[in-house]
Amino acid sequence: MSPRLILILALVAIGSAAGVSVITWLVVQPQTTPISGSGTAAINSASDEEKRRYSEQFFGGNSDRDIRGGQEMKPRW
């Protein structure tokens, strides 16, 4: 292989690695930490509200439904 071909392949490899790094950084960008008094509390409170609703939906179930009327599970000891 000629030295020119090796140089071209090395430059292409470096360029593609840099491109993949930039794309990965854009996709997996870390969340910014809120700065006191910067007005980011409204965004975080909406996020907290979503988390609360999701946990209530997942763990809470229907509060109007009687879940004690069915068969009870007995311990296996």
N, C-alpha and C. Protein backbone atom coordinates (compact mmCIF):
# COMPACT_ATOMS: atom_id res chain seq x y z
N MET A 1 0.84 -1.18 0.00
CA MET A 1 0.00 0.00 0.00
C MET A 1 0.88 1.24 0.00
N SER A 2 0.43 2.21 -0.68
CA SER A 2 1.22 3.44 -0.79
C SER A 2 1.02 4.31 0.46
N PRO A 3 1.97 5.11 0.79
CA PRO A 3 1.84 6.00 1.95
C PRO A 3 0.67 6.98 1.81
N ARG A 4 0.36 7.37 0.57
CA ARG A 4 -0.76 8.28 0.36
C ARG A 4 -2.08 7.61 0.73
N LEU A 5 -2.26 6.34 0.37
CA LEU A 5 -3.48 5.59 0.70
C LEU A 5 -3.62 5.41 2.20
N ILE A 6 -2.51 5.12 2.87
CA ILE A 6 -2.54 4.96 4.32
C ILE A 6 -2.93 6.27 4.99
N LEU A 7 -2.41 7.39 4.52
CA LEU A 7 -2.74 8.70 5.06
C LEU A 7 -4.22 9.01 4.85
N ILE A 8 -4.75 8.73 3.67
CA ILE A 8 -6.17 8.97 3.39
C ILE A 8 -7.05 8.12 4.29
N LEU A 9 -6.70 6.83 4.45
CA LEU A 9 -7.48 5.95 5.32
C LEU A 9 -7.44 6.41 6.77
N ALA A 10 -6.27 6.88 7.23
CA ALA A 10 -6.16 7.38 8.60
C ALA A 10 -7.01 8.63 8.79
N LEU A 11 -7.01 9.54 7.83
CA LEU A 11 -7.83 10.75 7.94
C LEU A 11 -9.32 10.42 7.92
N VAL A 12 -9.71 9.47 7.10
CA VAL A 12 -11.13 9.06 7.07
C VAL A 12 -11.52 8.43 8.40
N ALA A 13 -10.65 7.60 8.97
CA ALA A 13 -10.94 6.98 10.26
C ALA A 13 -11.07 8.02 11.36
N ILE A 14 -10.18 9.01 11.37
CA ILE A 14 -10.25 10.07 12.39
C ILE A 14 -11.51 10.90 12.20
N GLY A 15 -11.84 11.22 10.98
CA GLY A 15 -13.05 12.00 10.70
C GLY A 15 -14.32 11.28 11.09
N SER A 16 -14.40 9.99 10.78
CA SER A 16 -15.60 9.23 11.14
C SER A 16 -15.70 9.05 12.65
N ALA A 17 -14.58 8.86 13.33
CA ALA A 17 -14.61 8.75 14.79
C ALA A 17 -15.09 10.06 15.42
N ALA A 18 -14.64 11.18 14.89
CA ALA A 18 -15.09 12.48 15.40
C ALA A 18 -16.58 12.67 15.14
N GLY A 19 -17.05 12.27 13.97
CA GLY A 19 -18.47 12.39 13.65
C GLY A 19 -19.34 11.55 14.57
N VAL A 20 -18.91 10.33 14.82
CA VAL A 20 -19.66 9.44 15.72
C VAL A 20 -19.64 10.01 17.13
N SER A 21 -18.53 10.58 17.54
CA SER A 21 -18.45 11.17 18.88
C SER A 21 -19.41 12.35 19.03
N VAL A 22 -19.49 13.18 18.01
CA VAL A 22 -20.40 14.33 18.07
C VAL A 22 -21.85 13.86 18.10
N ILE A 23 -22.19 12.90 17.28
CA ILE A 23 -23.57 12.38 17.26
C ILE A 23 -23.91 11.74 18.60
N THR A 24 -22.98 10.97 19.15
CA THR A 24 -23.22 10.34 20.46
C THR A 24 -23.40 11.40 21.53
N TRP A 25 -22.60 12.46 21.50
CA TRP A 25 -22.72 13.52 22.49
C TRP A 25 -24.08 14.22 22.37
N LEU A 26 -24.56 14.43 21.17
CA LEU A 26 -25.84 15.09 20.98
C LEU A 26 -27.00 14.21 21.45
N VAL A 27 -26.89 12.91 21.27
CA VAL A 27 -27.97 12.01 21.66
C VAL A 27 -27.97 11.79 23.18
N VAL A 28 -26.80 11.58 23.75
CA VAL A 28 -26.69 11.26 25.17
C VAL A 28 -26.10 12.45 25.90
N GLN A 29 -26.71 13.59 25.78
CA GLN A 29 -26.22 14.80 26.42
C GLN A 29 -26.68 14.82 27.87
N PRO A 30 -25.78 15.08 28.82
CA PRO A 30 -26.18 15.09 30.23
C PRO A 30 -27.13 16.25 30.53
N GLN A 31 -28.00 16.03 31.52
CA GLN A 31 -28.93 17.08 31.91
C GLN A 31 -28.17 18.17 32.65
N THR A 32 -28.59 19.40 32.43
CA THR A 32 -27.95 20.50 33.12
C THR A 32 -28.49 20.60 34.54
N THR A 33 -27.65 20.98 35.46
CA THR A 33 -28.10 21.15 36.83
C THR A 33 -28.74 22.51 36.98
N PRO A 34 -29.86 22.60 37.71
CA PRO A 34 -30.53 23.90 37.84
C PRO A 34 -29.70 24.86 38.68
N ILE A 35 -29.68 26.11 38.25
CA ILE A 35 -28.99 27.17 38.97
C ILE A 35 -30.02 27.93 39.78
N SER A 36 -29.71 28.22 41.01
CA SER A 36 -30.64 28.88 41.90
C SER A 36 -31.08 30.23 41.32
N GLY A 37 -32.40 30.42 41.24
CA GLY A 37 -32.94 31.69 40.77
C GLY A 37 -32.95 31.85 39.26
N SER A 38 -32.67 30.79 38.51
CA SER A 38 -32.60 30.94 37.06
C SER A 38 -33.93 30.67 36.37
N GLY A 39 -34.97 30.33 37.12
CA GLY A 39 -36.26 30.08 36.51
C GLY A 39 -36.43 28.66 36.01
N THR A 40 -35.55 27.75 36.37
CA THR A 40 -35.67 26.36 35.92
C THR A 40 -36.57 25.55 36.83
N ALA A 41 -37.06 26.14 37.90
CA ALA A 41 -37.91 25.40 38.83
C ALA A 41 -39.22 25.00 38.17
N ALA A 42 -39.74 25.81 37.26
CA ALA A 42 -41.00 25.49 36.59
C ALA A 42 -40.84 24.25 35.73
N ILE A 43 -39.71 24.10 35.08
CA ILE A 43 -39.48 22.92 34.25
C ILE A 43 -39.35 21.68 35.12
N ASN A 44 -38.62 21.79 36.23
CA ASN A 44 -38.44 20.65 37.12
C ASN A 44 -39.74 20.27 37.82
N SER A 45 -40.59 21.24 38.16
CA SER A 45 -41.83 20.91 38.82
C SER A 45 -42.75 20.14 37.88
N ALA A 46 -42.73 20.47 36.59
CA ALA A 46 -43.54 19.71 35.63
C ALA A 46 -43.00 18.28 35.54
N SER A 47 -41.70 18.15 35.57
CA SER A 47 -41.10 16.82 35.52
C SER A 47 -41.46 16.03 36.78
N ASP A 48 -41.42 16.69 37.95
CA ASP A 48 -41.80 16.04 39.19
C ASP A 48 -43.27 15.64 39.17
N GLU A 49 -44.09 16.49 38.58
CA GLU A 49 -45.52 16.18 38.47
C GLU A 49 -45.73 14.95 37.59
N GLU A 50 -44.98 14.86 36.49
CA GLU A 50 -45.10 13.68 35.63
C GLU A 50 -44.68 12.42 36.38
N LYS A 51 -43.58 12.50 37.12
CA LYS A 51 -43.11 11.34 37.88
C LYS A 51 -44.14 10.91 38.91
N ARG A 52 -44.77 11.89 39.59
CA ARG A 52 -45.77 11.57 40.61
C ARG A 52 -46.98 10.90 39.97
N ARG A 53 -47.45 11.46 38.85
CA ARG A 53 -48.61 10.86 38.18
C ARG A 53 -48.30 9.45 37.69
N TYR A 54 -47.09 9.26 37.17
CA TYR A 54 -46.72 7.93 36.68
C TYR A 54 -46.67 6.93 37.83
N SER A 55 -46.09 7.32 38.96
CA SER A 55 -46.00 6.36 40.07
C SER A 55 -47.39 6.08 40.63
N GLU A 56 -48.27 7.09 40.68
CA GLU A 56 -49.63 6.83 41.14
C GLU A 56 -50.36 5.90 40.19
N GLN A 57 -50.15 6.09 38.91
CA GLN A 57 -50.81 5.25 37.91
C GLN A 57 -50.30 3.82 38.01
N PHE A 58 -49.00 3.67 38.21
CA PHE A 58 -48.41 2.33 38.22
C PHE A 58 -48.72 1.61 39.53
N PHE A 59 -48.51 2.28 40.66
CA PHE A 59 -48.66 1.62 41.94
C PHE A 59 -50.05 1.81 42.55
N GLY A 60 -50.69 2.92 42.25
CA GLY A 60 -51.93 3.26 42.93
C GLY A 60 -53.12 2.44 42.47
N GLY A 61 -53.30 2.26 41.20
CA GLY A 61 -54.46 1.55 40.70
C GLY A 61 -55.73 2.38 40.85
N ASN A 62 -56.86 1.73 40.79
CA ASN A 62 -58.15 2.40 40.92
C ASN A 62 -58.53 2.41 42.39
N SER A 63 -58.63 3.58 42.99
CA SER A 63 -58.92 3.68 44.42
C SER A 63 -60.38 3.36 44.73
N ASP A 64 -61.27 3.42 43.75
CA ASP A 64 -62.69 3.13 43.98
C ASP A 64 -62.97 1.63 43.96
N ARG A 65 -62.05 0.85 43.52
CA ARG A 65 -62.27 -0.59 43.36
C ARG A 65 -61.91 -1.34 44.64
N ASP A 66 -62.78 -2.26 45.07
CA ASP A 66 -62.52 -3.05 46.26
C ASP A 66 -61.59 -4.21 45.88
N ILE A 67 -60.39 -4.18 46.39
CA ILE A 67 -59.43 -5.23 46.06
C ILE A 67 -59.35 -6.29 47.15
N ARG A 68 -60.09 -6.13 48.23
CA ARG A 68 -60.06 -7.10 49.31
C ARG A 68 -61.12 -8.19 49.18
N GLY A 69 -62.01 -8.08 48.20
CA GLY A 69 -63.09 -9.03 48.09
C GLY A 69 -62.68 -10.35 47.45
N GLY A 70 -61.49 -10.43 46.87
CA GLY A 70 -61.07 -11.64 46.17
C GLY A 70 -60.33 -12.60 47.08
N GLN A 71 -59.71 -13.57 46.48
CA GLN A 71 -58.98 -14.57 47.23
C GLN A 71 -57.69 -13.95 47.79
N GLU A 72 -57.44 -14.22 49.05
CA GLU A 72 -56.23 -13.69 49.69
C GLU A 72 -55.08 -14.66 49.47
N MET A 73 -53.90 -14.13 49.35
CA MET A 73 -52.72 -14.98 49.23
C MET A 73 -52.27 -15.37 50.63
N LYS A 74 -51.87 -16.61 50.81
CA LYS A 74 -51.41 -17.09 52.10
C LYS A 74 -49.89 -17.21 52.06
N PRO A 75 -49.23 -16.92 53.16
CA PRO A 75 -47.78 -17.08 53.18
C PRO A 75 -47.38 -18.55 52.99
N ARG A 76 -46.20 -18.77 52.44
CA ARG A 76 -45.76 -20.14 52.14
C ARG A 76 -44.96 -20.75 53.27
N TRP A 77 -45.00 -20.23 54.48
CA TRP A 77 -44.23 -20.81 55.56
C TRP A 77 -44.97 -21.75 56.39
